[in-house]
Amino acid sequence: MKVLKYALLAAVGCLTFGLGSPSFAQQSAGDAARGKDKYMAVGCFTCHGRSGQGGALNYPAPALVDLPMPADALAAFLRNPVGDMPPYAAAVLSNADVADVLSFIKSLPGRKDPKTFPLLNQ
């Protein structure tokens, strides 16, 4: 539910700040390897985990796996986040970087079914 709330806020931000421009939409789908490097470099992992699983360092941070957000909406959210999340200006995380990070997030396998863990099925 929180991810949907963030997606809606990002969509509003996208319309408000014009980040849905054709030039952004025409950019490549992003590179997952570069996205992983950027995800780690700017510190996303400190709250959202190294595998996008979410976490609770100081407060609950949502999992990013299966993030239902296009790159332009994610960029809008990153520029104007809610709650305790820090903002990421375009000078720190460019639109191309956002596309790369989103590509990395989409490459993550997500949570495994507990039935696939032998120890849990004894």
PDB file of N, CA and C in Angstrom:
ATOM      1  N   MET A   1       0.819  -1.193   0.000  1.00  0.00           N
ATOM      2  CA  MET A   1       0.000   0.000   0.000  1.00  0.00           C
ATOM      3  C   MET A   1       0.863   1.256   0.000  1.00  0.00           C
ATOM      4  N   LYS A   2       1.982   1.212   0.780  1.00  0.00           N
ATOM      5  CA  LYS A   2       2.858   2.372   0.829  1.00  0.00           C
ATOM      6  C   LYS A   2       3.487   2.635  -0.528  1.00  0.00           C
ATOM      7  N   VAL A   3       3.849   1.556  -1.257  1.00  0.00           N
ATOM      8  CA  VAL A   3       4.462   1.737  -2.575  1.00  0.00           C
ATOM      9  C   VAL A   3       3.478   2.416  -3.507  1.00  0.00           C
ATOM     10  N   LEU A   4       2.198   2.040  -3.444  1.00  0.00           N
ATOM     11  CA  LEU A   4       1.178   2.673  -4.266  1.00  0.00           C
ATOM     12  C   LEU A   4       1.057   4.154  -3.911  1.00  0.00           C
ATOM     13  N   LYS A   5       1.111   4.470  -2.637  1.00  0.00           N
ATOM     14  CA  LYS A   5       1.061   5.867  -2.190  1.00  0.00           C
ATOM     15  C   LYS A   5       2.230   6.647  -2.781  1.00  0.00           C
ATOM     16  N   TYR A   6       3.435   6.054  -2.739  1.00  0.00           N
ATOM     17  CA  TYR A   6       4.620   6.709  -3.294  1.00  0.00           C
ATOM     18  C   TYR A   6       4.502   6.862  -4.801  1.00  0.00           C
ATOM     19  N   ALA A   7       3.939   5.862  -5.459  1.00  0.00           N
ATOM     20  CA  ALA A   7       3.771   5.928  -6.913  1.00  0.00           C
ATOM     21  C   ALA A   7       2.828   7.063  -7.296  1.00  0.00           C
ATOM     22  N   LEU A   8       1.748   7.221  -6.535  1.00  0.00           N
ATOM     23  CA  LEU A   8       0.811   8.304  -6.816  1.00  0.00           C
ATOM     24  C   LEU A   8       1.448   9.667  -6.565  1.00  0.00           C
ATOM     25  N   LEU A   9       2.190   9.793  -5.480  1.00  0.00           N
ATOM     26  CA  LEU A   9       2.879  11.055  -5.201  1.00  0.00           C
ATOM     27  C   LEU A   9       3.909  11.371  -6.280  1.00  0.00           C
ATOM     28  N   ALA A  10       4.605  10.358  -6.748  1.00  0.00           N
ATOM     29  CA  ALA A  10       5.602  10.570  -7.798  1.00  0.00           C
ATOM     30  C   ALA A  10       4.935  10.980  -9.101  1.00  0.00           C
ATOM     31  N   ALA A  11       3.788  10.393  -9.409  1.00  0.00           N
ATOM     32  CA  ALA A  11       3.084  10.755 -10.632  1.00  0.00           C
ATOM     33  C   ALA A  11       2.635  12.213 -10.586  1.00  0.00           C
ATOM     34  N   VAL A  12       2.141  12.649  -9.439  1.00  0.00           N
ATOM     35  CA  VAL A  12       1.749  14.049  -9.281  1.00  0.00           C
ATOM     36  C   VAL A  12       2.972  14.955  -9.438  1.00  0.00           C
ATOM     37  N   GLY A  13       4.077  14.559  -8.811  1.00  0.00           N
ATOM     38  CA  GLY A  13       5.314  15.323  -8.937  1.00  0.00           C
ATOM     39  C   GLY A  13       5.794  15.378 -10.374  1.00  0.00           C
ATOM     40  N   CYS A  14       5.608  14.307 -11.083  1.00  0.00           N
ATOM     41  CA  CYS A  14       6.021  14.240 -12.479  1.00  0.00           C
ATOM     42  C   CYS A  14       5.245  15.249 -13.309  1.00  0.00           C
ATOM     43  N   LEU A  15       3.963  15.340 -13.077  1.00  0.00           N
ATOM     44  CA  LEU A  15       3.138  16.303 -13.803  1.00  0.00           C
ATOM     45  C   LEU A  15       3.463  17.726 -13.375  1.00  0.00           C
ATOM     46  N   THR A  16       3.694  17.907 -12.085  1.00  0.00           N
ATOM     47  CA  THR A  16       3.970  19.236 -11.552  1.00  0.00           C
ATOM     48  C   THR A  16       5.304  19.792 -12.017  1.00  0.00           C
ATOM     49  N   PHE A  17       6.326  18.952 -12.001  1.00  0.00           N
ATOM     50  CA  PHE A  17       7.671  19.429 -12.296  1.00  0.00           C
ATOM     51  C   PHE A  17       8.131  19.133 -13.715  1.00  0.00           C
ATOM     52  N   GLY A  18       7.268  18.532 -14.525  1.00  0.00           N
ATOM     53  CA  GLY A  18       7.580  18.326 -15.933  1.00  0.00           C
ATOM     54  C   GLY A  18       8.671  17.311 -16.199  1.00  0.00           C
ATOM     55  N   LEU A  19       8.859  16.348 -15.314  1.00  0.00           N
ATOM     56  CA  LEU A  19       9.906  15.356 -15.526  1.00  0.00           C
ATOM     57  C   LEU A  19       9.489  14.283 -16.513  1.00  0.00           C
ATOM     58  N   GLY A  20       8.252  14.302 -16.938  1.00  0.00           N
ATOM     59  CA  GLY A  20       7.786  13.326 -17.909  1.00  0.00           C
ATOM     60  C   GLY A  20       8.021  13.794 -19.326  1.00  0.00           C
ATOM     61  N   SER A  21       9.008  14.626 -19.549  1.00  0.00           N
ATOM     62  CA  SER A  21       9.285  15.165 -20.877  1.00  0.00           C
ATOM     63  C   SER A  21       9.696  14.068 -21.836  1.00  0.00           C
ATOM     64  N   PRO A  22       9.478  14.279 -23.131  1.00  0.00           N
ATOM     65  CA  PRO A  22       9.840  13.260 -24.107  1.00  0.00           C
ATOM     66  C   PRO A  22      11.316  12.879 -24.057  1.00  0.00           C
ATOM     67  N   SER A  23      12.202  13.831 -23.750  1.00  0.00           N
ATOM     68  CA  SER A  23      13.620  13.505 -23.713  1.00  0.00           C
ATOM     69  C   SER A  23      13.912  12.456 -22.643  1.00  0.00           C
ATOM     70  N   PHE A  24      13.228  12.523 -21.510  1.00  0.00           N
ATOM     71  CA  PHE A  24      13.425  11.517 -20.463  1.00  0.00           C
ATOM     72  C   PHE A  24      12.839  10.194 -20.901  1.00  0.00           C
ATOM     73  N   ALA A  25      11.661  10.232 -21.466  1.00  0.00           N
ATOM     74  CA  ALA A  25      10.992   9.011 -21.898  1.00  0.00           C
ATOM     75  C   ALA A  25      11.758   8.319 -23.013  1.00  0.00           C
ATOM     76  N   GLN A  26      12.488   9.079 -23.823  1.00  0.00           N
ATOM     77  CA  GLN A  26      13.214   8.507 -24.941  1.00  0.00           C
ATOM     78  C   GLN A  26      14.562   7.927 -24.522  1.00  0.00           C
ATOM     79  N   GLN A  27      14.987   8.149 -23.288  1.00  0.00           N
ATOM     80  CA  GLN A  27      16.260   7.606 -22.840  1.00  0.00           C
ATOM     81  C   GLN A  27      16.175   6.089 -22.798  1.00  0.00           C
ATOM     82  N   SER A  28      17.344   5.454 -22.830  1.00  0.00           N
ATOM     83  CA  SER A  28      17.389   3.998 -22.821  1.00  0.00           C
ATOM     84  C   SER A  28      16.743   3.452 -21.550  1.00  0.00           C
ATOM     85  N   ALA A  29      16.470   2.167 -21.587  1.00  0.00           N
ATOM     86  CA  ALA A  29      15.837   1.515 -20.447  1.00  0.00           C
ATOM     87  C   ALA A  29      16.763   1.467 -19.242  1.00  0.00           C
ATOM     88  N   GLY A  30      18.025   1.754 -19.427  1.00  0.00           N
ATOM     89  CA  GLY A  30      18.963   1.759 -18.314  1.00  0.00           C
ATOM     90  C   GLY A  30      19.829   0.512 -18.300  1.00  0.00           C
ATOM     91  N   ASP A  31      20.921   0.606 -17.589  1.00  0.00           N
ATOM     92  CA  ASP A  31      21.885  -0.478 -17.480  1.00  0.00           C
ATOM     93  C   ASP A  31      21.916  -0.948 -16.026  1.00  0.00           C
ATOM     94  N   ALA A  32      21.580  -2.200 -15.801  1.00  0.00           N
ATOM     95  CA  ALA A  32      21.470  -2.732 -14.440  1.00  0.00           C
ATOM     96  C   ALA A  32      22.803  -2.700 -13.690  1.00  0.00           C
ATOM     97  N   ALA A  33      23.913  -2.974 -14.378  1.00  0.00           N
ATOM     98  CA  ALA A  33      25.220  -2.974 -13.699  1.00  0.00           C
ATOM     99  C   ALA A  33      25.585  -1.566 -13.230  1.00  0.00           C
ATOM    100  N   ARG A  34      25.387  -0.580 -14.111  1.00  0.00           N
ATOM    101  CA  ARG A  34      25.645   0.806 -13.691  1.00  0.00           C
ATOM    102  C   ARG A  34      24.674   1.213 -12.593  1.00  0.00           C
ATOM    103  N   GLY A  35      23.430   0.745 -12.702  1.00  0.00           N
ATOM    104  CA  GLY A  35      22.421   1.056 -11.694  1.00  0.00           C
ATOM    105  C   GLY A  35      22.781   0.506 -10.332  1.00  0.00           C
ATOM    106  N   LYS A  36      23.333  -0.696 -10.299  1.00  0.00           N
ATOM    107  CA  LYS A  36      23.760  -1.277  -9.017  1.00  0.00           C
ATOM    108  C   LYS A  36      24.875  -0.437  -8.415  1.00  0.00           C
ATOM    109  N   ASP A  37      25.833  -0.037  -9.247  1.00  0.00           N
ATOM    110  CA  ASP A  37      26.932   0.806  -8.757  1.00  0.00           C
ATOM    111  C   ASP A  37      26.413   2.116  -8.181  1.00  0.00           C
ATOM    112  N   LYS A  38      25.472   2.741  -8.878  1.00  0.00           N
ATOM    113  CA  LYS A  38      24.919   4.021  -8.423  1.00  0.00           C
ATOM    114  C   LYS A  38      24.071   3.829  -7.165  1.00  0.00           C
ATOM    115  N   TYR A  39      23.280   2.763  -7.116  1.00  0.00           N
ATOM    116  CA  TYR A  39      22.450   2.416  -5.955  1.00  0.00           C
ATOM    117  C   TYR A  39      23.313   2.316  -4.703  1.00  0.00           C
ATOM    118  N   MET A  40      24.468   1.674  -4.861  1.00  0.00           N
ATOM    119  CA  MET A  40      25.387   1.532  -3.735  1.00  0.00           C
ATOM    120  C   MET A  40      26.092   2.859  -3.427  1.00  0.00           C
ATOM    121  N   ALA A  41      26.512   3.573  -4.463  1.00  0.00           N
ATOM    122  CA  ALA A  41      27.297   4.799  -4.287  1.00  0.00           C
ATOM    123  C   ALA A  41      26.510   5.906  -3.590  1.00  0.00           C
ATOM    124  N   VAL A  42      25.235   6.056  -3.904  1.00  0.00           N
ATOM    125  CA  VAL A  42      24.459   7.143  -3.296  1.00  0.00           C
ATOM    126  C   VAL A  42      23.779   6.711  -1.998  1.00  0.00           C
ATOM    127  N   GLY A  43      23.956   5.443  -1.617  1.00  0.00           N
ATOM    128  CA  GLY A  43      23.493   4.993  -0.310  1.00  0.00           C
ATOM    129  C   GLY A  43      22.081   4.452  -0.230  1.00  0.00           C
ATOM    130  N   CYS A  44      21.462   4.122  -1.350  1.00  0.00           N
ATOM    131  CA  CYS A  44      20.104   3.562  -1.306  1.00  0.00           C
ATOM    132  C   CYS A  44      20.053   2.301  -0.444  1.00  0.00           C
ATOM    133  N   PHE A  45      21.141   1.520  -0.513  1.00  0.00           N
ATOM    134  CA  PHE A  45      21.193   0.245   0.201  1.00  0.00           C
ATOM    135  C   PHE A  45      21.114   0.398   1.710  1.00  0.00           C
ATOM    136  N   THR A  46      21.482   1.551   2.239  1.00  0.00           N
ATOM    137  CA  THR A  46      21.502   1.699   3.693  1.00  0.00           C
ATOM    138  C   THR A  46      20.112   1.566   4.303  1.00  0.00           C
ATOM    139  N   CYS A  47      19.104   1.943   3.565  1.00  0.00           N
ATOM    140  CA  CYS A  47      17.728   1.809   4.062  1.00  0.00           C
ATOM    141  C   CYS A  47      16.953   0.697   3.355  1.00  0.00           C
ATOM    142  N   HIS A  48      17.160   0.576   2.042  1.00  0.00           N
ATOM    143  CA  HIS A  48      16.366  -0.362   1.251  1.00  0.00           C
ATOM    144  C   HIS A  48      17.016  -1.722   1.085  1.00  0.00           C
ATOM    145  N   GLY A  49      18.225  -1.903   1.631  1.00  0.00           N
ATOM    146  CA  GLY A  49      18.906  -3.187   1.547  1.00  0.00           C
ATOM    147  C   GLY A  49      19.682  -3.358   0.260  1.00  0.00           C
ATOM    148  N   ARG A  50      20.673  -4.219   0.298  1.00  0.00           N
ATOM    149  CA  ARG A  50      21.520  -4.452  -0.874  1.00  0.00           C
ATOM    150  C   ARG A  50      20.773  -5.143  -2.005  1.00  0.00           C
ATOM    151  N   SER A  51      19.712  -5.839  -1.671  1.00  0.00           N
ATOM    152  CA  SER A  51      18.916  -6.536  -2.682  1.00  0.00           C
ATOM    153  C   SER A  51      17.535  -5.925  -2.834  1.00  0.00           C
ATOM    154  N   GLY A  52      17.371  -4.683  -2.364  1.00  0.00           N
ATOM    155  CA  GLY A  52      16.081  -4.005  -2.482  1.00  0.00           C
ATOM    156  C   GLY A  52      14.993  -4.614  -1.629  1.00  0.00           C
ATOM    157  N   GLN A  53      15.389  -5.375  -0.591  1.00  0.00           N
ATOM    158  CA  GLN A  53      14.411  -6.100   0.216  1.00  0.00           C
ATOM    159  C   GLN A  53      13.721  -5.242   1.266  1.00  0.00           C
ATOM    160  N   GLY A  54      14.151  -3.997   1.406  1.00  0.00           N
ATOM    161  CA  GLY A  54      13.590  -3.146   2.449  1.00  0.00           C
ATOM    162  C   GLY A  54      14.340  -3.350   3.749  1.00  0.00           C
ATOM    163  N   GLY A  55      14.041  -2.553   4.708  1.00  0.00           N
ATOM    164  CA  GLY A  55      14.745  -2.686   5.967  1.00  0.00           C
ATOM    165  C   GLY A  55      14.130  -1.824   7.045  1.00  0.00           C
ATOM    166  N   ALA A  56      14.783  -1.833   8.193  1.00  0.00           N
ATOM    167  CA  ALA A  56      14.279  -1.075   9.328  1.00  0.00           C
ATOM    168  C   ALA A  56      15.440  -0.585  10.175  1.00  0.00           C
ATOM    169  N   LEU A  57      16.375   0.143   9.569  1.00  0.00           N
ATOM    170  CA  LEU A  57      17.525   0.657  10.301  1.00  0.00           C
ATOM    171  C   LEU A  57      17.065   1.609  11.399  1.00  0.00           C
ATOM    172  N   ASN A  58      16.428   2.688  11.034  1.00  0.00           N
ATOM    173  CA  ASN A  58      15.859   3.630  12.002  1.00  0.00           C
ATOM    174  C   ASN A  58      14.338   3.643  11.950  1.00  0.00           C
ATOM    175  N   TYR A  59      13.785   3.155  10.881  1.00  0.00           N
ATOM    176  CA  TYR A  59      12.344   3.144  10.638  1.00  0.00           C
ATOM    177  C   TYR A  59      12.113   2.201   9.467  1.00  0.00           C
ATOM    178  N   PRO A  60      10.900   1.753   9.229  1.00  0.00           N
ATOM    179  CA  PRO A  60      10.669   0.841   8.104  1.00  0.00           C
ATOM    180  C   PRO A  60      10.910   1.531   6.757  1.00  0.00           C
ATOM    181  N   ALA A  61      11.699   0.892   5.907  1.00  0.00           N
ATOM    182  CA  ALA A  61      11.919   1.361   4.544  1.00  0.00           C
ATOM    183  C   ALA A  61      11.318   0.316   3.610  1.00  0.00           C
ATOM    184  N   PRO A  62      10.538   0.738   2.633  1.00  0.00           N
ATOM    185  CA  PRO A  62       9.851  -0.238   1.781  1.00  0.00           C
ATOM    186  C   PRO A  62      10.804  -1.041   0.905  1.00  0.00           C
ATOM    187  N   ALA A  63      10.378  -2.256   0.596  1.00  0.00           N
ATOM    188  CA  ALA A  63      11.102  -3.077  -0.373  1.00  0.00           C
ATOM    189  C   ALA A  63      10.934  -2.432  -1.746  1.00  0.00           C
ATOM    190  N   LEU A  64      11.956  -2.527  -2.569  1.00  0.00           N
ATOM    191  CA  LEU A  64      11.915  -1.925  -3.898  1.00  0.00           C
ATOM    192  C   LEU A  64      11.672  -2.953  -4.997  1.00  0.00           C
ATOM    193  N   VAL A  65      11.787  -4.232  -4.657  1.00  0.00           N
ATOM    194  CA  VAL A  65      11.545  -5.281  -5.632  1.00  0.00           C
ATOM    195  C   VAL A  65      10.104  -5.170  -6.110  1.00  0.00           C
ATOM    196  N   ASP A  66       9.894  -5.322  -7.402  1.00  0.00           N
ATOM    197  CA  ASP A  66       8.568  -5.203  -8.031  1.00  0.00           C
ATOM    198  C   ASP A  66       8.002  -3.790  -7.892  1.00  0.00           C
ATOM    199  N   LEU A  67       8.869  -2.791  -7.918  1.00  0.00           N
ATOM    200  CA  LEU A  67       8.450  -1.394  -7.815  1.00  0.00           C
ATOM    201  C   LEU A  67       7.616  -1.028  -9.047  1.00  0.00           C
ATOM    202  N   PRO A  68       6.323  -0.714  -8.858  1.00  0.00           N
ATOM    203  CA  PRO A  68       5.450  -0.423 -10.001  1.00  0.00           C
ATOM    204  C   PRO A  68       5.512   1.056 -10.404  1.00  0.00           C
ATOM    205  N   MET A  69       6.702   1.507 -10.830  1.00  0.00           N
ATOM    206  CA  MET A  69       6.884   2.925 -11.086  1.00  0.00           C
ATOM    207  C   MET A  69       7.762   3.113 -12.325  1.00  0.00           C
ATOM    208  N   PRO A  70       7.316   3.913 -13.291  1.00  0.00           N
ATOM    209  CA  PRO A  70       8.190   4.208 -14.425  1.00  0.00           C
ATOM    210  C   PRO A  70       9.329   5.136 -14.010  1.00  0.00           C
ATOM    211  N   ALA A  71      10.355   5.207 -14.831  1.00  0.00           N
ATOM    212  CA  ALA A  71      11.557   5.979 -14.498  1.00  0.00           C
ATOM    213  C   ALA A  71      11.247   7.448 -14.243  1.00  0.00           C
ATOM    214  N   ASP A  72      10.366   8.055 -15.038  1.00  0.00           N
ATOM    215  CA  ASP A  72      10.082   9.477 -14.829  1.00  0.00           C
ATOM    216  C   ASP A  72       9.377   9.728 -13.502  1.00  0.00           C
ATOM    217  N   ALA A  73       8.501   8.815 -13.097  1.00  0.00           N
ATOM    218  CA  ALA A  73       7.829   8.956 -11.806  1.00  0.00           C
ATOM    219  C   ALA A  73       8.812   8.727 -10.654  1.00  0.00           C
ATOM    220  N   LEU A  74       9.722   7.765 -10.831  1.00  0.00           N
ATOM    221  CA  LEU A  74      10.733   7.533  -9.806  1.00  0.00           C
ATOM    222  C   LEU A  74      11.641   8.752  -9.662  1.00  0.00           C
ATOM    223  N   ALA A  75      12.013   9.360 -10.784  1.00  0.00           N
ATOM    224  CA  ALA A  75      12.850  10.567 -10.734  1.00  0.00           C
ATOM    225  C   ALA A  75      12.123  11.682  -9.989  1.00  0.00           C
ATOM    226  N   ALA A  76      10.842  11.853 -10.269  1.00  0.00           N
ATOM    227  CA  ALA A  76      10.066  12.891  -9.583  1.00  0.00           C
ATOM    228  C   ALA A  76      10.022  12.625  -8.085  1.00  0.00           C
ATOM    229  N   PHE A  77       9.832  11.367  -7.715  1.00  0.00           N
ATOM    230  CA  PHE A  77       9.793  11.021  -6.294  1.00  0.00           C
ATOM    231  C   PHE A  77      11.145  11.252  -5.636  1.00  0.00           C
ATOM    232  N   LEU A  78      12.227  10.869  -6.320  1.00  0.00           N
ATOM    233  CA  LEU A  78      13.560  11.039  -5.755  1.00  0.00           C
ATOM    234  C   LEU A  78      13.921  12.513  -5.574  1.00  0.00           C
ATOM    235  N   ARG A  79      13.419  13.365  -6.431  1.00  0.00           N
ATOM    236  CA  ARG A  79      13.702  14.801  -6.327  1.00  0.00           C
ATOM    237  C   ARG A  79      12.907  15.443  -5.187  1.00  0.00           C
ATOM    238  N   ASN A  80      11.707  14.905  -4.907  1.00  0.00           N
ATOM    239  CA  ASN A  80      10.813  15.463  -3.887  1.00  0.00           C
ATOM    240  C   ASN A  80      10.206  14.340  -3.052  1.00  0.00           C
ATOM    241  N   PRO A  81      11.013  13.647  -2.254  1.00  0.00           N
ATOM    242  CA  PRO A  81      10.497  12.506  -1.497  1.00  0.00           C
ATOM    243  C   PRO A  81       9.639  12.924  -0.310  1.00  0.00           C
ATOM    244  N   VAL A  82       8.972  11.932   0.246  1.00  0.00           N
ATOM    245  CA  VAL A  82       8.167  12.155   1.451  1.00  0.00           C
ATOM    246  C   VAL A  82       8.838  11.460   2.622  1.00  0.00           C
ATOM    247  N   GLY A  83       8.466  11.853   3.802  1.00  0.00           N
ATOM    248  CA  GLY A  83       8.990  11.208   4.998  1.00  0.00           C
ATOM    249  C   GLY A  83      10.465  11.526   5.217  1.00  0.00           C
ATOM    250  N   ASP A  84      11.193  10.539   5.707  1.00  0.00           N
ATOM    251  CA  ASP A  84      12.598  10.723   6.063  1.00  0.00           C
ATOM    252  C   ASP A  84      13.561  10.491   4.908  1.00  0.00           C
ATOM    253  N   MET A  85      13.063  10.121   3.754  1.00  0.00           N
ATOM    254  CA  MET A  85      13.954   9.853   2.634  1.00  0.00           C
ATOM    255  C   MET A  85      14.601  11.154   2.162  1.00  0.00           C
ATOM    256  N   PRO A  86      15.918  11.134   1.958  1.00  0.00           N
ATOM    257  CA  PRO A  86      16.591  12.359   1.500  1.00  0.00           C
ATOM    258  C   PRO A  86      16.316  12.620   0.024  1.00  0.00           C
ATOM    259  N   PRO A  87      16.295  13.874  -0.387  1.00  0.00           N
ATOM    260  CA  PRO A  87      16.107  14.181  -1.812  1.00  0.00           C
ATOM    261  C   PRO A  87      17.402  13.948  -2.588  1.00  0.00           C
ATOM    262  N   TYR A  88      17.262  13.563  -3.829  1.00  0.00           N
ATOM    263  CA  TYR A  88      18.405  13.365  -4.720  1.00  0.00           C
ATOM    264  C   TYR A  88      18.264  14.318  -5.897  1.00  0.00           C
ATOM    265  N   ALA A  89      19.031  15.400  -5.866  1.00  0.00           N
ATOM    266  CA  ALA A  89      19.007  16.387  -6.953  1.00  0.00           C
ATOM    267  C   ALA A  89      19.572  15.753  -8.221  1.00  0.00           C
ATOM    268  N   ALA A  90      19.232  16.327  -9.360  1.00  0.00           N
ATOM    269  CA  ALA A  90      19.715  15.821 -10.642  1.00  0.00           C
ATOM    270  C   ALA A  90      21.239  15.857 -10.722  1.00  0.00           C
ATOM    271  N   ALA A  91      21.877  16.750  -9.977  1.00  0.00           N
ATOM    272  CA  ALA A  91      23.338  16.809  -9.967  1.00  0.00           C
ATOM    273  C   ALA A  91      23.937  15.582  -9.275  1.00  0.00           C
ATOM    274  N   VAL A  92      23.188  14.960  -8.386  1.00  0.00           N
ATOM    275  CA  VAL A  92      23.651  13.774  -7.666  1.00  0.00           C
ATOM    276  C   VAL A  92      23.213  12.507  -8.387  1.00  0.00           C
ATOM    277  N   LEU A  93      21.975  12.491  -8.867  1.00  0.00           N
ATOM    278  CA  LEU A  93      21.384  11.334  -9.522  1.00  0.00           C
ATOM    279  C   LEU A  93      20.662  11.828 -10.775  1.00  0.00           C
ATOM    280  N   SER A  94      21.342  11.774 -11.902  1.00  0.00           N
ATOM    281  CA  SER A  94      20.762  12.277 -13.152  1.00  0.00           C
ATOM    282  C   SER A  94      19.604  11.385 -13.610  1.00  0.00           C
ATOM    283  N   ASN A  95      18.853  11.844 -14.588  1.00  0.00           N
ATOM    284  CA  ASN A  95      17.762  11.030 -15.126  1.00  0.00           C
ATOM    285  C   ASN A  95      18.296   9.715 -15.686  1.00  0.00           C
ATOM    286  N   ALA A  96      19.465   9.755 -16.325  1.00  0.00           N
ATOM    287  CA  ALA A  96      20.071   8.519 -16.832  1.00  0.00           C
ATOM    288  C   ALA A  96      20.433   7.591 -15.673  1.00  0.00           C
ATOM    289  N   ASP A  97      20.924   8.162 -14.575  1.00  0.00           N
ATOM    290  CA  ASP A  97      21.231   7.359 -13.385  1.00  0.00           C
ATOM    291  C   ASP A  97      19.966   6.722 -12.817  1.00  0.00           C
ATOM    292  N   VAL A  98      18.883   7.475 -12.798  1.00  0.00           N
ATOM    293  CA  VAL A  98      17.603   6.948 -12.299  1.00  0.00           C
ATOM    294  C   VAL A  98      17.165   5.767 -13.156  1.00  0.00           C
ATOM    295  N   ALA A  99      17.288   5.900 -14.475  1.00  0.00           N
ATOM    296  CA  ALA A  99      16.922   4.804 -15.374  1.00  0.00           C
ATOM    297  C   ALA A  99      17.797   3.577 -15.104  1.00  0.00           C
ATOM    298  N   ASP A 100      19.086   3.794 -14.837  1.00  0.00           N
ATOM    299  CA  ASP A 100      19.996   2.686 -14.518  1.00  0.00           C
ATOM    300  C   ASP A 100      19.614   2.030 -13.200  1.00  0.00           C
ATOM    301  N   VAL A 101      19.332   2.836 -12.178  1.00  0.00           N
ATOM    302  CA  VAL A 101      18.945   2.297 -10.870  1.00  0.00           C
ATOM    303  C   VAL A 101      17.647   1.506 -10.992  1.00  0.00           C
ATOM    304  N   LEU A 102      16.698   2.025 -11.740  1.00  0.00           N
ATOM    305  CA  LEU A 102      15.434   1.314 -11.922  1.00  0.00           C
ATOM    306  C   LEU A 102      15.667  -0.005 -12.654  1.00  0.00           C
ATOM    307  N   SER A 103      16.563  -0.004 -13.617  1.00  0.00           N
ATOM    308  CA  SER A 103      16.908  -1.243 -14.317  1.00  0.00           C
ATOM    309  C   SER A 103      17.505  -2.262 -13.349  1.00  0.00           C
ATOM    310  N   PHE A 104      18.366  -1.789 -12.439  1.00  0.00           N
ATOM    311  CA  PHE A 104      18.927  -2.678 -11.418  1.00  0.00           C
ATOM    312  C   PHE A 104      17.816  -3.227 -10.529  1.00  0.00           C
ATOM    313  N   ILE A 105      16.925  -2.358 -10.069  1.00  0.00           N
ATOM    314  CA  ILE A 105      15.832  -2.791  -9.190  1.00  0.00           C
ATOM    315  C   ILE A 105      14.977  -3.842  -9.886  1.00  0.00           C
ATOM    316  N   LYS A 106      14.688  -3.621 -11.165  1.00  0.00           N
ATOM    317  CA  LYS A 106      13.853  -4.578 -11.912  1.00  0.00           C
ATOM    318  C   LYS A 106      14.579  -5.894 -12.161  1.00  0.00           C
ATOM    319  N   SER A 107      15.908  -5.892 -12.071  1.00  0.00           N
ATOM    320  CA  SER A 107      16.665  -7.131 -12.280  1.00  0.00           C
ATOM    321  C   SER A 107      16.721  -8.007 -11.027  1.00  0.00           C
ATOM    322  N   LEU A 108      16.303  -7.454  -9.901  1.00  0.00           N
ATOM    323  CA  LEU A 108      16.375  -8.200  -8.646  1.00  0.00           C
ATOM    324  C   LEU A 108      15.352  -9.340  -8.638  1.00  0.00           C
ATOM    325  N   PRO A 109      15.724 -10.497  -8.076  1.00  0.00           N
ATOM    326  CA  PRO A 109      14.846 -11.662  -8.145  1.00  0.00           C
ATOM    327  C   PRO A 109      13.618 -11.593  -7.249  1.00  0.00           C
ATOM    328  N   GLY A 110      13.644 -10.785  -6.238  1.00  0.00           N
ATOM    329  CA  GLY A 110      12.498 -10.710  -5.333  1.00  0.00           C
ATOM    330  C   GLY A 110      12.557 -11.785  -4.264  1.00  0.00           C
ATOM    331  N   ARG A 111      11.508 -11.856  -3.510  1.00  0.00           N
ATOM    332  CA  ARG A 111      11.466 -12.815  -2.401  1.00  0.00           C
ATOM    333  C   ARG A 111      11.217 -14.218  -2.926  1.00  0.00           C
ATOM    334  N   LYS A 112      11.861 -15.176  -2.273  1.00  0.00           N
ATOM    335  CA  LYS A 112      11.665 -16.578  -2.641  1.00  0.00           C
ATOM    336  C   LYS A 112      10.507 -17.159  -1.849  1.00  0.00           C
ATOM    337  N   ASP A 113       9.886 -18.143  -2.430  1.00  0.00           N
ATOM    338  CA  ASP A 113       8.829 -18.873  -1.760  1.00  0.00           C
ATOM    339  C   ASP A 113       9.454 -19.657  -0.600  1.00  0.00           C
ATOM    340  N   PRO A 114       8.918 -19.535   0.607  1.00  0.00           N
ATOM    341  CA  PRO A 114       9.487 -20.260   1.748  1.00  0.00           C
ATOM    342  C   PRO A 114       9.570 -21.768   1.522  1.00  0.00           C
ATOM    343  N   LYS A 115       8.750 -22.302   0.644  1.00  0.00           N
ATOM    344  CA  LYS A 115       8.773 -23.742   0.375  1.00  0.00           C
ATOM    345  C   LYS A 115      10.053 -24.167  -0.336  1.00  0.00           C
ATOM    346  N   THR A 116      10.800 -23.206  -0.878  1.00  0.00           N
ATOM    347  CA  THR A 116      12.051 -23.542  -1.568  1.00  0.00           C
ATOM    348  C   THR A 116      13.220 -23.671  -0.600  1.00  0.00           C
ATOM    349  N   PHE A 117      13.030 -23.382   0.673  1.00  0.00           N
ATOM    350  CA  PHE A 117      14.072 -23.506   1.684  1.00  0.00           C
ATOM    351  C   PHE A 117      13.888 -24.837   2.429  1.00  0.00           C
ATOM    352  N   PRO A 118      14.789 -25.789   2.185  1.00  0.00           N
ATOM    353  CA  PRO A 118      14.626 -27.117   2.819  1.00  0.00           C
ATOM    354  C   PRO A 118      14.494 -27.059   4.338  1.00  0.00           C
ATOM    355  N   LEU A 119      15.271 -26.206   4.987  1.00  0.00           N
ATOM    356  CA  LEU A 119      15.252 -26.130   6.445  1.00  0.00           C
ATOM    357  C   LEU A 119      13.875 -25.723   6.976  1.00  0.00           C
ATOM    358  N   LEU A 120      13.162 -24.919   6.203  1.00  0.00           N
ATOM    359  CA  LEU A 120      11.833 -24.455   6.642  1.00  0.00           C
ATOM    360  C   LEU A 120      10.749 -25.498   6.395  1.00  0.00           C
ATOM    361  N   ASN A 121      11.086 -26.539   5.695  1.00  0.00           N
ATOM    362  CA  ASN A 121      10.073 -27.551   5.330  1.00  0.00           C
ATOM    363  C   ASN A 121      10.313 -28.889   6.008  1.00  0.00           C
ATOM    364  N   GLN A 122      11.007 -28.877   7.117  1.00  0.00           N
ATOM    365  CA  GLN A 122      11.265 -30.136   7.815  1.00  0.00           C
ATOM    366  C   GLN A 122      10.184 -30.430   8.821  1.00  0.00           C
TER     367      GLN A 122
END
